[in-house]
Amino acid sequence: MQRENVFWADDDPVQRVTTYIPWTIAKGTGLLKDEVPHQYGIHGVFEDKGHTMKHIREEISARMPRAEETQHLRLPPGVPVIDVWHTSVDQDGQPYEVTRFVMRADMTGLLYDVPVE
């Protein structure tokens, strides 16, 4: 299953998010609705289906936007995007969702604060 959202800061679209979820997880859940009917959102649904996030993997790059990204994000000429591919891995070491974030580089900053075990 594929879910798409655009996130805004005031009147500016700042990121387009596409989440890919195996049908075996999405079937029979509220993930098919525009707004996920779970008090903890999409991750609450995953946990209800037995997938607790224990590890993440993110691949991050910067590039010039594709034509449709320029349109969806209302990008001025010359503004690059930050492209983040996020994978959630559960307690059994199984990936259960992949999300792609395409963000305006002129309106985005990334901060990672991760404990080392």
Protein backbone atom coordinates (compact mmCIF):
# COMPACT_ATOMS: atom_id res chain seq x y z
CA MET A 1 0.00 0.00 0.00
CA GLN A 2 1.16 3.55 -0.66
CA ARG A 3 0.19 6.65 1.36
CA GLU A 4 1.06 10.18 0.24
CA ASN A 5 1.00 13.42 2.21
CA VAL A 6 2.25 16.95 1.80
CA PHE A 7 3.31 18.83 4.94
CA TRP A 8 3.04 22.60 5.14
CA ALA A 9 4.59 25.49 7.07
CA ASP A 10 1.98 28.22 6.95
CA ASP A 11 1.23 28.57 3.22
CA ASP A 12 4.39 26.80 2.02
CA PRO A 13 4.56 23.09 1.18
CA VAL A 14 7.86 21.93 2.73
CA GLN A 15 7.88 18.17 2.23
CA ARG A 16 6.18 15.43 0.29
CA VAL A 17 6.01 12.11 2.11
CA THR A 18 5.31 8.74 0.52
CA THR A 19 5.00 5.68 2.76
CA TYR A 20 5.05 2.12 1.46
CA ILE A 21 3.45 -0.56 3.68
CA PRO A 22 3.11 -4.28 2.93
CA TRP A 23 -0.52 -5.20 2.25
CA THR A 24 -0.29 -7.95 4.90
CA ILE A 25 0.11 -5.17 7.49
CA ALA A 26 -2.22 -2.55 5.96
CA LYS A 27 -5.16 -4.88 5.21
CA GLY A 28 -8.07 -4.36 7.58
CA THR A 29 -6.61 -1.26 9.26
CA GLY A 30 -7.40 2.44 9.15
CA LEU A 31 -4.34 2.98 6.95
CA LEU A 32 -6.63 3.13 3.91
CA LYS A 33 -8.32 6.28 5.20
CA ASP A 34 -7.05 9.82 4.55
CA GLU A 35 -6.59 10.34 8.29
CA VAL A 36 -5.45 7.34 10.31
CA PRO A 37 -8.07 6.71 13.03
CA HIS A 38 -5.60 5.74 15.77
CA GLN A 39 -4.63 7.97 18.69
CA TYR A 40 -0.94 7.27 17.95
CA GLY A 41 -1.28 7.57 14.17
CA ILE A 42 0.35 5.26 11.69
CA HIS A 43 2.88 3.93 14.22
CA GLY A 44 0.07 3.00 16.60
CA VAL A 45 -1.43 0.87 13.82
CA PHE A 46 1.93 -0.81 13.26
CA GLU A 47 2.26 -1.63 16.96
CA ASP A 48 -1.30 -2.99 17.06
CA LYS A 49 -0.29 -5.29 14.20
CA GLY A 50 2.75 -6.51 16.21
CA HIS A 51 5.50 -4.32 14.73
CA THR A 52 7.39 -2.28 17.32
CA MET A 53 10.15 -0.07 15.91
CA LYS A 54 13.53 -1.23 17.19
CA HIS A 55 15.82 0.05 14.48
CA ILE A 56 15.74 2.60 11.70
CA ARG A 57 17.84 3.05 8.62
CA GLU A 58 17.94 6.32 6.72
CA GLU A 59 19.68 7.16 3.48
CA ILE A 60 19.95 10.90 2.84
CA SER A 61 21.01 12.75 -0.30
CA ALA A 62 20.57 16.16 -1.89
CA ARG A 63 19.63 16.65 -5.52
CA MET A 64 17.80 18.89 -7.91
CA PRO A 65 14.03 18.26 -7.94
CA ARG A 66 12.06 16.42 -10.59
CA ALA A 67 9.39 18.41 -12.46
CA GLU A 68 6.50 17.06 -10.37
CA GLU A 69 8.39 17.78 -7.13
CA THR A 70 8.98 21.36 -8.25
CA GLN A 71 5.24 21.67 -8.82
CA HIS A 72 4.07 19.94 -5.60
CA LEU A 73 6.53 21.84 -3.41
CA ARG A 74 6.18 25.15 -5.30
CA LEU A 75 9.96 25.38 -5.59
CA PRO A 76 11.60 28.52 -6.93
CA PRO A 77 14.19 27.92 -9.67
CA GLY A 78 17.51 26.54 -8.45
CA VAL A 79 16.28 25.18 -5.09
CA PRO A 80 17.41 21.60 -4.43
CA VAL A 81 15.60 18.98 -2.36
CA ILE A 82 16.74 16.69 0.42
CA ASP A 83 15.74 13.11 -0.33
CA VAL A 84 15.42 10.81 2.71
CA TRP A 85 14.60 7.11 2.47
CA HIS A 86 13.57 5.84 5.93
CA THR A 87 13.12 2.13 6.76
CA SER A 88 11.54 0.97 10.05
CA VAL A 89 12.68 -2.41 11.36
CA ASP A 90 10.73 -4.30 14.04
CA GLN A 91 11.68 -6.38 17.06
CA ASP A 92 12.23 -9.44 14.83
CA GLY A 93 14.61 -7.61 12.51
CA GLN A 94 11.98 -7.33 9.77
CA PRO A 95 11.44 -4.10 7.80
CA TYR A 96 7.75 -3.18 7.90
CA GLU A 97 7.54 0.24 6.26
CA VAL A 98 9.60 2.44 3.98
CA THR A 99 8.97 6.18 3.83
CA ARG A 100 10.43 8.64 1.37
CA PHE A 101 10.64 12.27 2.44
CA VAL A 102 11.33 14.83 -0.31
CA MET A 103 12.02 18.14 1.43
CA ARG A 104 12.70 21.67 0.27
CA ALA A 105 16.36 22.26 1.07
CA ASP A 106 15.79 25.99 1.55
CA MET A 107 13.27 25.39 4.35
CA THR A 108 14.59 22.21 5.99
CA GLY A 109 17.20 21.31 8.56
CA LEU A 110 17.96 17.85 9.90
CA LEU A 111 19.05 17.03 13.45
CA TYR A 112 19.85 13.52 14.63
CA ASP A 113 20.27 12.84 18.34
CA VAL A 114 20.63 9.08 18.67
CA PRO A 115 21.93 7.18 21.71
CA VAL A 116 24.81 4.79 21.07
CA GLU A 117 24.44 1.38 22.68
